[in-house]
C-alpha cells in the first residue's frame, strides 16, 4: 500500500524551491456544479496526523482534517464554473481551477495531481499520477477541494431541490438521473455532459 509522505516536497526544496504547494481538484465526474481545486503549502513541522487521499477517508475525517489544515497550512481554493466547463471541456476547466488556486498562494514550485500539467502554469511544476496517494501536500489539497465542493453542492441543493446533490454531490447516481428526466435540467447542470445533453436535445431525435 502506498503511503503519502513529504519526499516529493523535500526533493523540490533540496533543489532550491522555497514555497512548494500541492494541487488537486474535486468534481470532474459530476453532472452539475463547478469543478473545485485547492493548492496547499504545508508546514513540515505541523503536518496533521492521518493526512491521506480524501477518497480513503470518511466524510467526518475529511471535515476534521480540513478544519485542522486551515489552522496550520496555507490553503487556496478556486473554481471553474459550469459555463467554463461547457466551453473549455472538463479537463481544461479543471486545470483552470488549479491555476487559480495556485495563484492564491505564494509558490515557486507546484506538485500537480494527475498525468498532465495545466497549460500556461507560470511556475515550475511536477505532475504526479495518483499524487493524492503519494504526496502529503496533494493529499491535503484533495481534502480541501473535496470538502469545499461538497459544501457548495449542499448549498446548490437548497436552490434546486429534488436532485439529491446534498448526498450525491452532483454525480450521476440513479436517483439523480431519474430526477433529471422528471424535473428537467437546471442552470447548474453541465450541458456538455452526455446525460444532460441527451435530455436537452432528445426531442430532436424523436420521430413523429
N, C-alpha and C. Protein backbone atom coordinates (compact mmCIF):
# COMPACT_ATOMS: atom_id res chain seq x y z
N UNK A 1 0.84 -1.20 0.00
CA UNK A 1 0.00 0.00 0.00
C UNK A 1 0.88 1.25 0.00
N UNK A 2 0.57 2.19 -0.89
CA UNK A 2 1.32 3.45 -0.96
C UNK A 2 0.87 4.35 0.19
N UNK A 3 1.84 4.94 0.88
CA UNK A 3 1.53 5.88 1.95
C UNK A 3 2.12 7.23 1.57
N UNK A 4 1.28 8.25 1.57
CA UNK A 4 1.74 9.59 1.21
C UNK A 4 2.80 10.07 2.19
N UNK A 5 3.82 10.73 1.65
CA UNK A 5 4.86 11.29 2.51
C UNK A 5 5.30 12.65 1.98
N UNK A 6 6.37 13.18 2.52
CA UNK A 6 6.83 14.53 2.18
C UNK A 6 8.03 14.49 1.24
N UNK A 7 8.27 13.34 0.60
CA UNK A 7 9.50 13.19 -0.18
C UNK A 7 9.50 14.04 -1.45
N UNK A 8 8.37 14.16 -2.13
CA UNK A 8 8.32 14.99 -3.33
C UNK A 8 8.57 16.45 -2.98
N UNK A 9 7.97 16.88 -1.89
CA UNK A 9 8.16 18.25 -1.43
C UNK A 9 9.63 18.48 -1.05
N UNK A 10 10.20 17.54 -0.33
CA UNK A 10 11.58 17.69 0.12
C UNK A 10 12.55 17.73 -1.05
N UNK A 11 12.26 16.93 -2.07
CA UNK A 11 13.12 16.93 -3.26
C UNK A 11 13.11 18.30 -3.94
N UNK A 12 11.93 18.91 -4.02
CA UNK A 12 11.84 20.24 -4.62
C UNK A 12 12.55 21.28 -3.76
N UNK A 13 12.40 21.17 -2.46
CA UNK A 13 13.09 22.09 -1.54
C UNK A 13 14.60 21.93 -1.66
N UNK A 14 15.06 20.70 -1.78
CA UNK A 14 16.51 20.43 -1.89
C UNK A 14 17.08 21.01 -3.18
N UNK A 15 16.21 21.15 -4.19
CA UNK A 15 16.66 21.69 -5.48
C UNK A 15 16.55 23.22 -5.55
N UNK A 16 16.17 23.83 -4.43
CA UNK A 16 16.18 25.29 -4.37
C UNK A 16 14.82 25.96 -4.25
N UNK A 17 13.74 25.19 -4.35
CA UNK A 17 12.41 25.79 -4.17
C UNK A 17 12.24 26.22 -2.71
N UNK A 18 11.53 27.31 -2.52
CA UNK A 18 11.28 27.80 -1.17
C UNK A 18 9.83 27.59 -0.72
N UNK A 19 8.91 27.62 -1.70
CA UNK A 19 7.48 27.54 -1.38
C UNK A 19 6.83 26.49 -2.28
N UNK A 20 6.69 25.28 -1.78
CA UNK A 20 6.17 24.15 -2.56
C UNK A 20 4.71 23.92 -2.20
N UNK A 21 3.86 23.86 -3.22
CA UNK A 21 2.44 23.63 -2.98
C UNK A 21 1.99 22.33 -3.66
N UNK A 22 1.04 21.66 -3.06
CA UNK A 22 0.37 20.53 -3.67
C UNK A 22 -0.96 20.98 -4.22
N UNK A 23 -1.36 20.43 -5.36
CA UNK A 23 -2.57 20.89 -6.04
C UNK A 23 -3.42 19.70 -6.48
N UNK A 24 -4.72 19.76 -6.20
CA UNK A 24 -5.65 18.71 -6.64
C UNK A 24 -7.01 19.34 -6.88
N UNK A 25 -7.88 18.57 -7.53
CA UNK A 25 -9.22 19.06 -7.82
C UNK A 25 -10.27 18.05 -7.38
N UNK A 26 -11.50 18.52 -7.29
CA UNK A 26 -12.63 17.65 -6.99
C UNK A 26 -13.78 18.05 -7.91
N UNK A 27 -14.49 17.05 -8.42
CA UNK A 27 -15.69 17.35 -9.19
C UNK A 27 -15.56 17.26 -10.68
N UNK A 28 -14.67 16.40 -11.19
CA UNK A 28 -14.59 16.24 -12.64
C UNK A 28 -15.73 15.38 -13.17
N UNK A 29 -16.23 14.45 -12.36
CA UNK A 29 -17.22 13.49 -12.84
C UNK A 29 -18.68 13.89 -12.72
N UNK A 30 -19.04 14.80 -11.83
CA UNK A 30 -20.46 15.13 -11.66
C UNK A 30 -21.11 15.74 -12.89
N UNK A 31 -22.43 15.68 -12.91
CA UNK A 31 -23.22 16.28 -13.99
C UNK A 31 -23.58 17.73 -13.69
N UNK A 32 -23.32 18.17 -12.47
CA UNK A 32 -23.74 19.51 -12.06
C UNK A 32 -22.70 20.14 -11.16
N UNK A 33 -22.73 21.47 -11.13
CA UNK A 33 -21.85 22.22 -10.25
C UNK A 33 -20.48 22.48 -10.84
N UNK A 34 -19.73 23.38 -10.22
CA UNK A 34 -18.40 23.72 -10.71
C UNK A 34 -17.40 22.62 -10.40
N UNK A 35 -16.21 22.76 -10.96
CA UNK A 35 -15.09 21.93 -10.55
C UNK A 35 -14.25 22.78 -9.61
N UNK A 36 -13.76 22.18 -8.54
CA UNK A 36 -13.09 22.91 -7.47
C UNK A 36 -11.66 22.42 -7.33
N UNK A 37 -10.73 23.33 -7.18
CA UNK A 37 -9.33 22.97 -6.99
C UNK A 37 -8.80 23.62 -5.71
N UNK A 38 -7.80 22.99 -5.13
CA UNK A 38 -7.15 23.55 -3.95
C UNK A 38 -5.64 23.45 -4.12
N UNK A 39 -4.95 24.44 -3.62
CA UNK A 39 -3.50 24.42 -3.51
C UNK A 39 -3.15 24.56 -2.03
N UNK A 40 -2.24 23.74 -1.56
CA UNK A 40 -1.90 23.73 -0.13
C UNK A 40 -0.38 23.74 0.03
N UNK A 41 0.10 24.65 0.87
CA UNK A 41 1.50 24.65 1.26
C UNK A 41 1.60 24.25 2.72
N UNK A 42 2.14 23.07 2.95
CA UNK A 42 2.24 22.53 4.30
C UNK A 42 3.46 23.09 5.03
N UNK A 43 3.33 23.21 6.32
CA UNK A 43 4.46 23.46 7.20
C UNK A 43 4.95 22.10 7.67
N UNK A 44 6.16 21.67 7.26
CA UNK A 44 6.61 20.32 7.63
C UNK A 44 6.68 20.07 9.13
N UNK A 45 6.68 21.15 9.91
CA UNK A 45 6.71 20.99 11.37
C UNK A 45 5.32 20.76 11.94
N UNK A 46 4.29 21.01 11.14
CA UNK A 46 2.91 20.91 11.64
C UNK A 46 2.01 20.23 10.61
N UNK A 47 2.33 18.99 10.28
CA UNK A 47 1.51 18.22 9.36
C UNK A 47 0.50 17.40 10.15
N UNK A 48 -0.79 17.60 9.90
CA UNK A 48 -1.80 16.87 10.68
C UNK A 48 -1.63 15.36 10.54
N UNK A 49 -1.66 14.63 11.64
CA UNK A 49 -1.58 13.17 11.55
C UNK A 49 -2.81 12.60 10.84
N UNK A 50 -2.59 11.55 10.07
CA UNK A 50 -3.70 10.91 9.37
C UNK A 50 -4.00 11.52 8.03
N UNK A 51 -3.17 12.47 7.58
CA UNK A 51 -3.36 13.09 6.27
C UNK A 51 -3.22 12.03 5.18
N UNK A 52 -4.23 11.94 4.31
CA UNK A 52 -4.23 10.92 3.27
C UNK A 52 -5.16 11.36 2.15
N UNK A 53 -5.11 10.64 1.06
CA UNK A 53 -6.00 10.88 -0.07
C UNK A 53 -7.44 10.97 0.43
N UNK A 54 -8.16 12.02 0.01
CA UNK A 54 -9.52 12.23 0.50
C UNK A 54 -10.44 11.04 0.22
N UNK A 55 -10.15 10.29 -0.86
CA UNK A 55 -11.04 9.18 -1.25
C UNK A 55 -11.01 8.03 -0.24
N UNK A 56 -9.97 7.93 0.57
CA UNK A 56 -9.88 6.82 1.53
C UNK A 56 -10.32 7.24 2.93
N UNK A 57 -10.77 8.48 3.07
CA UNK A 57 -11.19 8.99 4.37
C UNK A 57 -12.70 9.08 4.46
N UNK A 58 -13.22 8.97 5.67
CA UNK A 58 -14.65 9.19 5.87
C UNK A 58 -14.95 10.68 5.75
N UNK A 59 -16.21 11.00 5.52
CA UNK A 59 -16.60 12.40 5.41
C UNK A 59 -16.27 13.15 6.70
N UNK A 60 -16.50 12.53 7.84
CA UNK A 60 -16.22 13.18 9.12
C UNK A 60 -14.72 13.45 9.28
N UNK A 61 -13.91 12.49 8.86
CA UNK A 61 -12.45 12.66 8.97
C UNK A 61 -11.96 13.76 8.02
N UNK A 62 -12.53 13.81 6.82
CA UNK A 62 -12.17 14.88 5.89
C UNK A 62 -12.50 16.25 6.48
N UNK A 63 -13.67 16.35 7.07
CA UNK A 63 -14.09 17.63 7.67
C UNK A 63 -13.12 18.05 8.77
N UNK A 64 -12.74 17.10 9.61
CA UNK A 64 -11.83 17.41 10.72
C UNK A 64 -10.46 17.82 10.21
N UNK A 65 -9.95 17.11 9.21
CA UNK A 65 -8.64 17.44 8.67
C UNK A 65 -8.67 18.78 7.94
N UNK A 66 -9.76 19.06 7.25
CA UNK A 66 -9.89 20.35 6.57
C UNK A 66 -9.81 21.49 7.58
N UNK A 67 -10.53 21.37 8.68
CA UNK A 67 -10.50 22.41 9.71
C UNK A 67 -9.09 22.55 10.28
N UNK A 68 -8.42 21.44 10.47
CA UNK A 68 -7.06 21.48 11.01
C UNK A 68 -6.09 22.12 10.02
N UNK A 69 -6.24 21.76 8.74
CA UNK A 69 -5.35 22.33 7.72
C UNK A 69 -5.49 23.85 7.62
N UNK A 70 -6.70 24.35 7.78
CA UNK A 70 -6.90 25.80 7.70
C UNK A 70 -6.13 26.52 8.81
N UNK A 71 -5.82 25.79 9.90
CA UNK A 71 -5.10 26.40 11.01
C UNK A 71 -3.59 26.28 10.93
N UNK A 72 -3.10 25.30 10.18
CA UNK A 72 -1.65 25.04 10.21
C UNK A 72 -0.98 25.12 8.85
N UNK A 73 -1.75 25.31 7.79
CA UNK A 73 -1.19 25.34 6.44
C UNK A 73 -1.70 26.55 5.68
N UNK A 74 -1.06 26.85 4.56
CA UNK A 74 -1.55 27.88 3.65
C UNK A 74 -2.45 27.19 2.62
N UNK A 75 -3.69 27.66 2.52
CA UNK A 75 -4.68 27.00 1.67
C UNK A 75 -5.32 28.02 0.73
N UNK A 76 -5.38 27.67 -0.54
CA UNK A 76 -6.09 28.49 -1.53
C UNK A 76 -7.05 27.60 -2.30
N UNK A 77 -8.28 28.05 -2.45
CA UNK A 77 -9.31 27.26 -3.14
C UNK A 77 -9.92 28.10 -4.26
N UNK A 78 -10.13 27.47 -5.40
CA UNK A 78 -10.68 28.18 -6.56
C UNK A 78 -11.59 27.24 -7.34
N UNK A 79 -12.38 27.82 -8.24
CA UNK A 79 -13.35 27.04 -9.01
C UNK A 79 -13.27 27.39 -10.49
N UNK A 80 -13.80 26.51 -11.30
CA UNK A 80 -14.16 26.83 -12.67
C UNK A 80 -15.66 26.56 -12.79
N UNK A 81 -16.37 27.48 -13.40
CA UNK A 81 -17.83 27.44 -13.41
C UNK A 81 -18.38 26.41 -14.39
N UNK A 82 -19.66 26.16 -14.28
CA UNK A 82 -20.35 25.29 -15.22
C UNK A 82 -20.19 25.81 -16.64
N UNK A 83 -20.31 27.12 -16.81
CA UNK A 83 -20.16 27.71 -18.14
C UNK A 83 -18.75 27.48 -18.69
N UNK A 84 -17.76 27.60 -17.82
CA UNK A 84 -16.38 27.37 -18.26
C UNK A 84 -16.14 25.90 -18.60
N UNK A 85 -16.75 25.01 -17.83
CA UNK A 85 -16.65 23.57 -18.13
C UNK A 85 -17.24 23.28 -19.51
N UNK A 86 -18.41 23.84 -19.77
CA UNK A 86 -19.08 23.58 -21.06
C UNK A 86 -18.34 24.22 -22.23
N UNK A 87 -17.66 25.31 -21.98
CA UNK A 87 -16.93 26.00 -23.04
C UNK A 87 -15.57 25.36 -23.32
N UNK A 88 -14.85 25.03 -22.25
CA UNK A 88 -13.46 24.59 -22.39
C UNK A 88 -13.31 23.08 -22.51
N UNK A 89 -14.15 22.32 -21.88
CA UNK A 89 -14.16 20.89 -21.57
C UNK A 89 -13.68 20.71 -20.14
N UNK A 90 -13.98 19.57 -19.56
CA UNK A 90 -13.78 19.39 -18.12
C UNK A 90 -12.29 19.38 -17.75
N UNK A 91 -11.43 18.81 -18.60
CA UNK A 91 -10.01 18.78 -18.29
C UNK A 91 -9.44 20.19 -18.23
N UNK A 92 -9.71 20.98 -19.27
CA UNK A 92 -9.17 22.34 -19.30
C UNK A 92 -9.75 23.19 -18.16
N UNK A 93 -11.02 22.99 -17.86
CA UNK A 93 -11.64 23.74 -16.77
C UNK A 93 -11.01 23.34 -15.43
N UNK A 94 -10.73 22.05 -15.25
CA UNK A 94 -10.05 21.59 -14.03
C UNK A 94 -8.69 22.25 -13.89
N UNK A 95 -7.97 22.31 -15.00
CA UNK A 95 -6.65 22.94 -14.98
C UNK A 95 -6.74 24.44 -14.74
N UNK A 96 -7.80 25.07 -15.24
CA UNK A 96 -8.01 26.49 -14.98
C UNK A 96 -8.23 26.73 -13.49
N UNK A 97 -9.05 25.88 -12.86
CA UNK A 97 -9.28 26.00 -11.42
C UNK A 97 -7.98 25.78 -10.65
N UNK A 98 -7.16 24.83 -11.10
CA UNK A 98 -5.86 24.59 -10.45
C UNK A 98 -4.97 25.83 -10.53
N UNK A 99 -4.89 26.44 -11.71
CA UNK A 99 -4.05 27.63 -11.86
C UNK A 99 -4.55 28.76 -10.97
N UNK A 100 -5.86 28.89 -10.87
CA UNK A 100 -6.43 29.93 -10.00
C UNK A 100 -6.08 29.66 -8.54
N UNK A 101 -6.12 28.39 -8.14
CA UNK A 101 -5.79 28.04 -6.76
C UNK A 101 -4.32 28.35 -6.47
N UNK A 102 -3.44 27.97 -7.39
CA UNK A 102 -2.00 28.24 -7.20
C UNK A 102 -1.74 29.73 -7.11
N UNK A 103 -2.45 30.51 -7.92
CA UNK A 103 -2.25 31.96 -7.93
C UNK A 103 -2.62 32.60 -6.59
N UNK A 104 -3.39 31.90 -5.78
CA UNK A 104 -3.80 32.44 -4.50
C UNK A 104 -2.78 32.27 -3.39
N UNK A 105 -1.67 31.61 -3.68
CA UNK A 105 -0.63 31.38 -2.68
C UNK A 105 0.71 31.88 -3.18
N UNK A 106 1.60 32.15 -2.27
CA UNK A 106 2.99 32.39 -2.63
C UNK A 106 3.61 31.02 -2.90
N UNK A 107 4.03 30.78 -4.13
CA UNK A 107 4.53 29.46 -4.50
C UNK A 107 5.60 29.61 -5.57
N UNK A 108 6.61 28.75 -5.52
CA UNK A 108 7.60 28.73 -6.60
C UNK A 108 7.82 27.32 -7.15
N UNK A 109 7.02 26.36 -6.68
CA UNK A 109 7.04 25.01 -7.26
C UNK A 109 5.72 24.35 -6.90
N UNK A 110 5.12 23.68 -7.88
CA UNK A 110 3.82 23.03 -7.66
C UNK A 110 3.89 21.54 -7.96
N UNK A 111 3.30 20.76 -7.09
CA UNK A 111 3.10 19.32 -7.31
C UNK A 111 1.65 19.13 -7.73
N UNK A 112 1.43 18.67 -8.95
CA UNK A 112 0.09 18.61 -9.54
C UNK A 112 -0.38 17.16 -9.60
N UNK A 113 -1.57 16.90 -9.10
CA UNK A 113 -2.12 15.54 -9.20
C UNK A 113 -2.52 15.25 -10.64
N UNK A 114 -2.12 14.08 -11.13
CA UNK A 114 -2.51 13.68 -12.47
C UNK A 114 -1.33 13.60 -13.42
N UNK A 115 -1.59 13.19 -14.66
CA UNK A 115 -0.51 12.98 -15.63
C UNK A 115 -0.10 14.22 -16.40
N UNK A 116 -0.86 15.31 -16.30
CA UNK A 116 -0.62 16.48 -17.13
C UNK A 116 -0.47 17.74 -16.29
N UNK A 117 0.41 18.63 -16.74
CA UNK A 117 0.50 19.95 -16.13
C UNK A 117 -0.48 20.88 -16.82
N UNK A 118 -1.13 21.78 -16.08
CA UNK A 118 -2.03 22.75 -16.72
C UNK A 118 -1.27 23.63 -17.72
N UNK A 119 -1.90 23.88 -18.85
CA UNK A 119 -1.31 24.79 -19.83
C UNK A 119 -1.20 26.19 -19.24
N UNK A 120 -0.07 26.82 -19.48
CA UNK A 120 0.08 28.20 -19.03
C UNK A 120 0.43 28.35 -17.57
N UNK A 121 0.74 27.27 -16.88
CA UNK A 121 1.18 27.37 -15.49
C UNK A 121 2.49 28.15 -15.47
N UNK A 122 2.59 29.15 -14.64
CA UNK A 122 3.70 30.10 -14.73
C UNK A 122 4.82 29.82 -13.74
N UNK A 123 4.85 28.64 -13.14
CA UNK A 123 5.94 28.29 -12.24
C UNK A 123 6.36 26.84 -12.48
N UNK A 124 7.56 26.47 -12.11
CA UNK A 124 7.99 25.08 -12.28
C UNK A 124 7.04 24.13 -11.54
N UNK A 125 6.82 22.96 -12.12
CA UNK A 125 5.86 22.03 -11.53
C UNK A 125 6.19 20.60 -11.92
N UNK A 126 5.63 19.67 -11.17
CA UNK A 126 5.78 18.24 -11.44
C UNK A 126 4.40 17.60 -11.41
N UNK A 127 4.05 16.87 -12.47
CA UNK A 127 2.80 16.12 -12.49
C UNK A 127 3.04 14.74 -11.89
N UNK A 128 2.16 14.32 -10.98
CA UNK A 128 2.34 13.04 -10.29
C UNK A 128 1.04 12.23 -10.41
N UNK A 129 1.10 11.14 -11.13
CA UNK A 129 -0.06 10.25 -11.26
C UNK A 129 -0.38 9.65 -9.89
N UNK A 130 -1.65 9.69 -9.51
CA UNK A 130 -2.09 9.26 -8.18
C UNK A 130 -1.33 10.03 -7.08
N UNK A 131 -1.10 11.30 -7.37
CA UNK A 131 -0.35 12.13 -6.43
C UNK A 131 -1.00 12.27 -5.08
N UNK A 132 -2.34 12.18 -5.05
CA UNK A 132 -3.03 12.31 -3.76
C UNK A 132 -2.74 11.15 -2.82
N UNK A 133 -2.21 10.05 -3.34
CA UNK A 133 -1.83 8.91 -2.52
C UNK A 133 -0.34 8.88 -2.22
N UNK A 134 0.41 9.80 -2.85
CA UNK A 134 1.87 9.78 -2.72
C UNK A 134 2.45 11.00 -2.02
N UNK A 135 1.85 12.16 -2.23
CA UNK A 135 2.36 13.41 -1.70
C UNK A 135 1.42 13.96 -0.63
N UNK A 136 1.96 14.30 0.53
CA UNK A 136 1.12 14.82 1.60
C UNK A 136 0.48 16.16 1.22
N UNK A 137 1.20 16.98 0.46
CA UNK A 137 0.63 18.27 0.06
C UNK A 137 -0.54 18.09 -0.89
N UNK A 138 -0.40 17.14 -1.83
CA UNK A 138 -1.51 16.87 -2.75
C UNK A 138 -2.67 16.23 -2.00
N UNK A 139 -2.37 15.33 -1.07
CA UNK A 139 -3.43 14.73 -0.25
C UNK A 139 -4.20 15.82 0.49
N UNK A 140 -3.47 16.79 1.05
CA UNK A 140 -4.12 17.89 1.75
C UNK A 140 -5.00 18.69 0.79
N UNK A 141 -4.49 18.92 -0.42
CA UNK A 141 -5.28 19.65 -1.42
C UNK A 141 -6.53 18.88 -1.80
N UNK A 142 -6.42 17.56 -1.89
CA UNK A 142 -7.59 16.75 -2.26
C UNK A 142 -8.68 16.86 -1.20
N UNK A 143 -8.27 16.91 0.06
CA UNK A 143 -9.24 17.05 1.16
C UNK A 143 -9.92 18.42 1.10
N UNK A 144 -9.11 19.47 0.94
CA UNK A 144 -9.67 20.83 0.91
C UNK A 144 -10.62 21.02 -0.26
N UNK A 145 -10.25 20.49 -1.42
CA UNK A 145 -11.11 20.64 -2.60
C UNK A 145 -12.41 19.86 -2.42
N UNK A 146 -12.31 18.63 -1.94
CA UNK A 146 -13.48 17.77 -1.78
C UNK A 146 -14.47 18.35 -0.75
N UNK A 147 -13.97 18.75 0.39
CA UNK A 147 -14.86 19.27 1.44
C UNK A 147 -15.53 20.56 0.97
N UNK A 148 -14.76 21.43 0.34
CA UNK A 148 -15.33 22.70 -0.13
C UNK A 148 -16.41 22.47 -1.17
N UNK A 149 -16.12 21.58 -2.14
CA UNK A 149 -17.09 21.35 -3.19
C UNK A 149 -18.35 20.66 -2.65
N UNK A 150 -18.18 19.71 -1.74
CA UNK A 150 -19.35 19.04 -1.16
C UNK A 150 -20.26 20.05 -0.46
N UNK A 151 -19.66 20.99 0.26
CA UNK A 151 -20.45 22.02 0.95
C UNK A 151 -21.17 22.91 -0.06
N UNK A 152 -20.49 23.24 -1.14
CA UNK A 152 -21.09 24.06 -2.19
C UNK A 152 -22.30 23.35 -2.80
N UNK A 153 -22.18 22.03 -3.00
CA UNK A 153 -23.28 21.28 -3.60
C UNK A 153 -24.47 21.16 -2.63
N UNK A 154 -24.20 21.14 -1.34
CA UNK A 154 -25.30 21.17 -0.36
C UNK A 154 -26.07 22.48 -0.49
N UNK A 155 -25.32 23.58 -0.67
CA UNK A 155 -25.98 24.87 -0.86
C UNK A 155 -26.80 24.89 -2.16
N UNK A 156 -26.22 24.35 -3.24
CA UNK A 156 -26.95 24.31 -4.51
C UNK A 156 -28.20 23.43 -4.41
N UNK A 157 -28.12 22.41 -3.58
CA UNK A 157 -29.28 21.52 -3.39
C UNK A 157 -30.47 22.26 -2.79
N UNK A 158 -30.19 23.31 -2.03
CA UNK A 158 -31.28 24.11 -1.47
C UNK A 158 -31.94 24.94 -2.57
N UNK A 159 -31.14 25.37 -3.54
CA UNK A 159 -31.70 26.17 -4.65
C UNK A 159 -32.45 25.29 -5.65
N UNK A 160 -31.96 24.07 -5.83
CA UNK A 160 -32.55 23.16 -6.81
C UNK A 160 -32.85 21.81 -6.14
N UNK A 161 -33.91 21.76 -5.34
CA UNK A 161 -34.21 20.53 -4.61
C UNK A 161 -34.70 19.42 -5.54
N UNK A 162 -34.52 18.20 -5.08
CA UNK A 162 -35.04 17.05 -5.80
C UNK A 162 -34.00 16.22 -6.52
N UNK A 163 -32.79 16.76 -6.65
CA UNK A 163 -31.74 16.05 -7.38
C UNK A 163 -30.79 15.29 -6.46
N UNK A 164 -30.92 15.53 -5.16
CA UNK A 164 -30.11 14.79 -4.19
C UNK A 164 -28.66 15.23 -4.10
N UNK A 165 -28.38 16.47 -4.50
CA UNK A 165 -26.99 16.92 -4.52
C UNK A 165 -26.36 16.97 -3.14
N UNK A 166 -27.21 17.11 -2.11
CA UNK A 166 -26.66 17.13 -0.75
C UNK A 166 -26.04 15.78 -0.38
N UNK A 167 -26.42 14.74 -1.12
CA UNK A 167 -25.85 13.42 -0.85
C UNK A 167 -24.97 12.90 -1.97
N UNK A 168 -25.31 13.23 -3.23
CA UNK A 168 -24.53 12.68 -4.36
C UNK A 168 -23.55 13.68 -4.97
N UNK A 169 -23.54 14.92 -4.46
CA UNK A 169 -22.60 15.96 -4.90
C UNK A 169 -22.65 16.21 -6.42
N UNK A 170 -23.77 15.84 -7.03
CA UNK A 170 -23.93 16.07 -8.46
C UNK A 170 -23.49 14.91 -9.34
N UNK A 171 -22.99 13.84 -8.74
CA UNK A 171 -22.58 12.67 -9.53
C UNK A 171 -23.82 11.98 -10.12
N UNK A 172 -23.64 11.24 -11.21
CA UNK A 172 -24.78 10.64 -11.92
C UNK A 172 -25.30 9.37 -11.25
N UNK A 173 -25.82 9.51 -10.04
CA UNK A 173 -26.45 8.38 -9.37
C UNK A 173 -27.78 8.06 -10.06
N UNK A 174 -28.32 6.91 -9.74
CA UNK A 174 -29.60 6.50 -10.31
C UNK A 174 -30.69 7.52 -9.98
N UNK A 175 -30.70 8.01 -8.74
CA UNK A 175 -31.71 8.98 -8.32
C UNK A 175 -31.52 10.32 -9.04
N UNK A 176 -30.29 10.72 -9.22
CA UNK A 176 -30.03 11.99 -9.92
C UNK A 176 -30.47 11.90 -11.37
N UNK A 177 -30.17 10.81 -12.03
CA UNK A 177 -30.58 10.63 -13.43
C UNK A 177 -32.10 10.60 -13.55
N UNK A 178 -32.76 9.96 -12.59
CA UNK A 178 -34.23 9.92 -12.61
C UNK A 178 -34.80 11.32 -12.42
N UNK A 179 -34.18 12.10 -11.53
CA UNK A 179 -34.65 13.48 -11.30
C UNK A 179 -34.45 14.34 -12.55
N UNK A 180 -33.35 14.10 -13.25
CA UNK A 180 -33.12 14.84 -14.49
C UNK A 180 -34.26 14.61 -15.48
N UNK A 181 -34.70 13.37 -15.60
CA UNK A 181 -35.80 13.04 -16.52
C UNK A 181 -37.11 13.64 -16.05
N UNK A 182 -37.35 13.60 -14.73
CA UNK A 182 -38.64 14.03 -14.19
C UNK A 182 -38.74 15.54 -13.98
N UNK A 183 -37.64 16.16 -13.55
CA UNK A 183 -37.66 17.57 -13.19
C UNK A 183 -37.02 18.46 -14.25
N UNK A 184 -36.19 17.87 -15.09
CA UNK A 184 -35.54 18.66 -16.13
C UNK A 184 -34.16 19.15 -15.73
N UNK A 185 -33.57 19.93 -16.62
CA UNK A 185 -32.20 20.42 -16.48
C UNK A 185 -32.20 21.78 -15.80
N UNK A 186 -31.33 21.96 -14.82
CA UNK A 186 -31.21 23.24 -14.11
C UNK A 186 -30.05 24.05 -14.67
N UNK A 187 -29.96 25.33 -14.31
CA UNK A 187 -28.81 26.14 -14.73
C UNK A 187 -27.48 25.63 -14.16
N UNK A 188 -27.55 24.81 -13.13
CA UNK A 188 -26.32 24.28 -12.52
C UNK A 188 -25.82 23.01 -13.19
N UNK A 189 -26.58 22.49 -14.15
CA UNK A 189 -26.15 21.27 -14.85
C UNK A 189 -25.16 21.59 -15.97
N UNK A 190 -24.25 20.64 -16.20
CA UNK A 190 -23.25 20.78 -17.25
C UNK A 190 -23.83 20.26 -18.57
N UNK A 191 -24.13 21.17 -19.45
CA UNK A 191 -24.82 20.80 -20.68
C UNK A 191 -23.96 20.01 -21.66
N UNK A 192 -22.65 20.07 -21.49
CA UNK A 192 -21.76 19.32 -22.38
C UNK A 192 -21.61 17.86 -21.97
N UNK A 193 -22.14 17.49 -20.80
CA UNK A 193 -22.04 16.11 -20.34
C UNK A 193 -23.18 15.30 -20.94
N UNK A 194 -22.87 14.12 -21.42
CA UNK A 194 -23.80 13.37 -22.25
C UNK A 194 -25.20 13.18 -21.66
N UNK A 195 -25.35 12.74 -20.39
CA UNK A 195 -26.73 12.53 -19.90
C UNK A 195 -27.56 13.81 -19.92
N UNK A 196 -26.93 14.95 -19.63
CA UNK A 196 -27.65 16.23 -19.65
C UNK A 196 -27.93 16.65 -21.09
N UNK A 197 -26.92 16.54 -21.92
CA UNK A 197 -27.05 16.90 -23.34
C UNK A 197 -28.16 16.09 -24.01
N UNK A 198 -28.21 14.80 -23.71
CA UNK A 198 -29.21 13.93 -24.33
C UNK A 198 -30.63 14.32 -23.93
N UNK A 199 -30.82 14.74 -22.69
CA UNK A 199 -32.15 15.15 -22.25
C UNK A 199 -32.54 16.48 -22.91
N UNK A 200 -31.58 17.38 -23.01
CA UNK A 200 -31.86 18.68 -23.61
C UNK A 200 -32.27 18.56 -25.07
N UNK A 201 -31.65 17.59 -25.76
CA UNK A 201 -31.86 17.51 -27.21
C UNK A 201 -32.63 16.27 -27.65
N UNK A 202 -33.27 15.60 -26.69
CA UNK A 202 -33.94 14.35 -27.03
C UNK A 202 -35.09 14.56 -28.02
N UNK A 203 -35.72 15.73 -27.95
CA UNK A 203 -36.85 15.99 -28.85
C UNK A 203 -36.43 15.98 -30.32
N UNK A 204 -35.16 16.34 -30.56
CA UNK A 204 -34.70 16.40 -31.93
C UNK A 204 -34.57 15.02 -32.55
N UNK A 205 -34.52 14.00 -31.69
CA UNK A 205 -34.30 12.65 -32.18
C UNK A 205 -35.56 11.78 -32.12
N UNK A 206 -36.64 12.40 -31.69
CA UNK A 206 -37.90 11.65 -31.61
C UNK A 206 -38.64 11.79 -32.95
N UNK A 207 -38.92 10.67 -33.58
CA UNK A 207 -39.63 10.74 -34.86
C UNK A 207 -41.12 10.93 -34.60
N UNK A 208 -41.79 11.72 -35.43
CA UNK A 208 -43.22 11.97 -35.22
C UNK A 208 -44.05 10.72 -35.48
